[in-house]
Protein backbone atom coordinates (compact mmCIF):
# COMPACT_ATOMS: atom_id res chain seq x y z
CA MET A 1 11.41 -19.77 -2.67
CA GLY A 2 13.83 -18.40 0.12
CA ASP A 3 14.63 -19.60 3.30
CA LYS A 4 14.05 -16.62 5.38
CA SER A 5 14.61 -18.48 8.69
CA GLU A 6 17.57 -16.29 9.43
CA SER A 7 16.10 -12.47 9.18
CA SER A 8 12.51 -13.86 9.87
CA GLU A 9 12.48 -10.68 12.46
CA LYS A 10 13.51 -8.43 9.48
CA ILE A 11 11.07 -6.83 6.97
CA SER A 12 12.34 -7.95 3.45
CA VAL A 13 12.02 -5.93 0.74
CA VAL A 14 12.87 -6.01 -3.16
CA VAL A 15 13.58 -2.90 -5.19
CA VAL A 16 12.16 -2.82 -8.81
CA ASP A 17 13.55 -0.32 -11.06
CA ASP A 18 15.27 -0.28 -14.29
CA HIS A 19 18.01 2.02 -13.29
CA PRO A 20 20.21 -0.34 -11.88
CA SER A 21 22.02 2.52 -9.81
CA TYR A 22 18.67 3.63 -8.36
CA GLY A 23 17.99 0.26 -7.01
CA LYS A 24 21.37 0.10 -5.05
CA GLY A 25 21.35 3.25 -3.97
CA LEU A 26 17.89 2.89 -2.32
CA GLU A 27 19.25 -0.77 -1.20
CA MET A 28 22.37 1.50 0.49
CA LEU A 29 19.96 3.70 1.95
CA LEU A 30 17.52 1.20 3.37
CA ARG A 31 20.34 -0.96 5.20
CA SER A 32 20.83 1.90 7.94
CA ALA A 33 17.53 0.37 9.03
CA GLY A 34 18.17 -2.94 11.14
CA GLU A 35 14.84 -4.09 10.74
CA ILE A 36 14.97 -3.55 7.12
CA GLU A 37 16.53 -6.10 4.67
CA VAL A 38 16.78 -5.90 0.95
CA VAL A 39 16.65 -9.31 -0.27
CA GLY A 40 16.70 -8.33 -4.04
CA VAL A 41 17.03 -5.52 -6.96
CA ALA A 42 15.71 -6.14 -10.16
CA THR A 43 15.84 -3.99 -13.19
CA SER A 44 12.47 -5.35 -15.33
CA LYS A 45 9.54 -7.34 -14.90
CA ALA A 46 10.96 -10.78 -15.32
CA GLU A 47 13.66 -10.21 -13.29
CA ALA A 48 11.48 -9.01 -10.98
CA LEU A 49 9.52 -11.93 -10.50
CA ASP A 50 11.81 -14.18 -10.58
CA VAL A 51 13.36 -12.91 -7.21
CA ILE A 52 9.62 -12.60 -5.71
CA ARG A 53 9.22 -16.10 -6.79
CA LYS A 54 12.50 -17.03 -5.17
CA GLU A 55 12.52 -14.58 -1.53
CA LEU A 56 8.57 -14.23 -1.23
CA PRO A 57 9.31 -10.44 0.35
CA ASP A 58 7.12 -8.67 2.90
CA ILE A 59 7.09 -5.36 0.25
CA VAL A 60 8.28 -4.87 -3.23
CA LEU A 61 9.42 -0.86 -3.91
CA MET A 62 8.29 -0.44 -7.80
CA ASP A 63 9.09 1.87 -10.42
CA ILE A 64 5.34 2.95 -11.73
CA ARG A 65 7.30 4.33 -15.05
CA MET A 66 10.04 1.91 -16.29
CA PRO A 67 10.82 3.04 -20.20
CA HIS A 68 10.77 -0.40 -21.47
CA GLU A 69 7.95 -1.86 -19.11
CA ASP A 70 4.95 -0.85 -17.08
CA GLY A 71 5.38 -1.19 -13.66
CA ILE A 72 1.61 -1.01 -13.08
CA GLU A 73 1.53 -4.34 -15.25
CA THR A 74 4.16 -5.98 -13.38
CA THR A 75 2.21 -4.51 -9.81
CA ARG A 76 -0.76 -6.53 -11.32
CA GLU A 77 1.15 -9.80 -12.36
CA ILE A 78 2.79 -9.89 -9.14
CA ARG A 79 -0.64 -9.43 -6.60
CA GLU A 80 -1.81 -12.10 -8.88
CA GLN A 81 1.10 -14.42 -8.59
CA PHE A 82 2.10 -13.51 -4.75
CA PRO A 83 -0.95 -12.10 -3.07
CA VAL A 84 0.59 -11.93 0.30
CA VAL A 85 2.86 -9.46 -1.28
CA ARG A 86 2.18 -5.76 -0.60
CA VAL A 87 3.65 -3.60 -3.73
CA VAL A 88 4.63 0.35 -2.93
CA MET A 89 4.71 2.23 -5.89
CA LEU A 90 7.48 4.63 -6.26
CA THR A 91 6.85 8.02 -8.47
CA VAL A 92 7.64 10.85 -9.95
CA SER A 93 4.41 11.25 -11.23
CA GLU A 94 1.09 12.54 -9.29
CA ASP A 95 -0.55 11.33 -12.42
CA ASP A 96 -4.51 10.63 -11.74
CA LYS A 97 -4.62 7.73 -13.77
CA ASP A 98 -1.68 6.22 -11.96
CA VAL A 99 -3.07 6.82 -8.67
CA PHE A 100 -6.04 4.50 -9.37
CA ASP A 101 -4.95 2.22 -11.50
CA ALA A 102 -2.28 1.46 -8.64
CA MET A 103 -4.76 1.51 -5.89
CA ARG A 104 -7.63 -0.69 -8.16
CA LEU A 105 -4.90 -3.28 -8.31
CA GLY A 106 -4.17 -3.67 -4.70
CA ALA A 107 -1.02 -1.64 -3.91
CA SER A 108 -0.36 -0.96 -0.05
CA GLY A 109 1.34 2.40 -1.05
CA TYR A 110 1.71 5.34 -2.79
CA LEU A 111 5.19 7.20 -2.54
CA PRO A 112 7.39 9.93 -4.08
CA LYS A 113 10.96 8.79 -5.48
CA GLN A 114 11.93 11.87 -3.60
CA ILE A 115 11.29 10.80 -0.17
CA GLU A 116 13.55 11.27 2.68
CA VAL A 117 15.14 7.89 3.77
CA ASP A 118 13.59 8.16 7.26
CA GLU A 119 10.28 8.77 5.98
CA LEU A 120 10.48 5.59 3.48
CA ILE A 121 11.56 3.48 6.44
CA GLN A 122 8.99 4.22 8.77
CA SER A 123 5.95 3.99 5.72
CA ILE A 124 7.76 0.52 5.23
CA LYS A 125 7.44 -0.05 8.71
CA ALA A 126 3.88 0.59 8.62
CA ILE A 127 2.69 -1.33 5.43
CA ASN A 128 4.35 -4.17 7.16
CA ALA A 129 2.13 -3.53 9.94
CA GLY A 130 -1.19 -3.96 7.16
CA GLN A 131 -1.45 0.11 6.77
CA VAL A 132 -1.98 1.97 3.46
CA VAL A 133 0.56 4.61 2.98
CA ILE A 134 -0.07 7.21 0.33
CA SER A 135 1.93 10.48 -0.06
CA PRO A 136 0.02 13.78 0.78
CA LEU A 137 1.23 14.97 -2.52
CA VAL A 138 -1.28 12.01 -4.29
CA ALA A 139 -3.54 11.54 -1.54
CA GLY A 140 -6.19 14.15 -2.36
CA LYS A 141 -6.42 12.64 -5.98
CA LEU A 142 -7.97 9.76 -4.84
CA LEU A 143 -11.00 11.15 -3.09
CA VAL A 144 -13.90 13.46 -4.33
CA GLN A 145 -14.03 15.11 -1.10
CA PRO A 146 -16.93 15.76 0.38
CA SER A 147 -17.71 17.42 3.41
CA GLU A 148 -19.08 15.37 6.92
CA GLU A 149 -21.54 18.53 7.13
CA GLN A 150 -23.22 17.40 3.85
CA VAL A 151 -22.50 13.67 4.31
CA PRO A 152 -22.79 13.19 8.24
CA LEU A 153 -21.79 9.58 9.73
CA THR A 154 -23.43 8.32 12.81
CA GLN A 155 -20.97 7.22 15.95
CA THR A 156 -21.02 3.80 14.59
CA GLU A 157 -20.33 4.27 10.47
CA ARG A 158 -17.37 6.52 11.81
CA ALA A 159 -16.02 3.78 14.11
CA LEU A 160 -16.21 1.54 11.46
CA LEU A 161 -14.50 3.70 8.63
CA THR A 162 -11.46 4.48 11.25
CA LEU A 163 -11.07 0.41 12.04
CA VAL A 164 -10.91 -0.31 8.29
CA ALA A 165 -8.59 2.36 7.29
CA GLU A 166 -6.41 1.38 10.21
CA GLY A 167 -6.10 -2.00 8.67
CA HIS A 168 -8.31 -4.19 10.28
CA GLU A 169 -9.68 -7.08 8.97
CA ASN A 170 -13.59 -7.29 8.76
CA ALA A 171 -13.95 -10.29 11.14
CA HIS A 172 -11.74 -8.55 13.41
CA ILE A 173 -13.82 -5.20 12.59
CA ALA A 174 -17.13 -7.48 13.25
CA GLU A 175 -16.26 -9.01 16.40
CA LEU A 176 -14.79 -5.61 17.71
CA LEU A 177 -18.62 -4.20 17.09
CA GLY A 178 -20.66 -7.05 17.74
CA VAL A 179 -22.36 -7.69 14.47
CA SER A 180 -22.15 -10.50 11.77
CA GLU A 181 -19.52 -10.20 9.14
CA SER A 182 -22.60 -10.29 6.36
CA THR A 183 -23.88 -7.28 8.33
CA LEU A 184 -20.48 -5.70 8.64
CA LYS A 185 -19.66 -5.63 4.81
CA ARG A 186 -23.46 -4.42 3.86
CA ASN A 187 -22.77 -1.67 6.39
CA LEU A 188 -19.26 -0.61 4.93
CA LYS A 189 -20.77 -0.74 1.37
CA ASN A 190 -23.20 1.61 2.46
CA ILE A 191 -21.05 4.06 3.94
CA LEU A 192 -18.81 4.24 0.81
CA GLU A 193 -21.86 4.90 -1.24
CA LYS A 194 -22.67 7.35 0.88
CA LEU A 195 -19.23 9.24 1.14
CA HIS A 196 -18.59 8.44 -3.08
CA LEU A 197 -15.61 6.46 -2.07
CA HIS A 198 -14.87 3.24 -4.06
CA ASN A 199 -12.70 0.89 -1.80
CA ARG A 200 -10.74 0.79 1.63
CA VAL A 201 -7.91 2.96 0.28
CA GLN A 202 -9.68 5.65 -0.32
CA ALA A 203 -11.49 4.89 2.91
CA ALA A 204 -8.08 4.89 4.82
CA VAL A 205 -7.70 8.49 3.19
CA TYR A 206 -10.56 10.02 3.94
CA ALA A 207 -10.33 9.12 7.25
CA ALA A 208 -6.78 10.16 8.12
CA LYS A 209 -8.01 13.19 6.27
CA LYS A 210 -10.35 14.02 8.96
CA GLY A 211 -7.67 12.79 11.64
CA TRP A 212 -9.47 10.06 12.86
CA ILE A 213 -5.99 7.74 12.33
């Protein structure tokens, strides 16, 4: 595990892409953000796991489509072995299955490779702060979009969903709302079922599309 004391105030990032030139180019672009430090560039799953084990970065930027290795499978292994590391998928694809698989495995973001560097930097900062960031190009694919008129939420339910979307942990939300954590979990499950959503990521997308966050 790497010694992060010298750059403890920076967001440490590992880039995983089978094209070395893309990884190095992204590293150079991210240097413009003083708060971000690229601590490794990997071109394969084995390299990625090795550098992540050594550096334990805050965030991994993962190419979802590597010709010889599956970015989704690599993400699964990263999340299993290093659960504190947040994974952000970089993609040229808007394929539904890719989106669902990445989010199901716990990816914290899903962004297009053609994203502007300033937007990528802001996304990295937001994800490091615990938010989920999904490009508008793919956000709609995560939802069966119920209308609030058809599925009305109470004020408390809306507050709960908004707090979840903002990235707060269950214990904190329960404290804010003055309920037990078990009651909170039960209420959240009921809200997700009411809206035909499946997880916290979809809840975040729903709240964002409603303009609540």
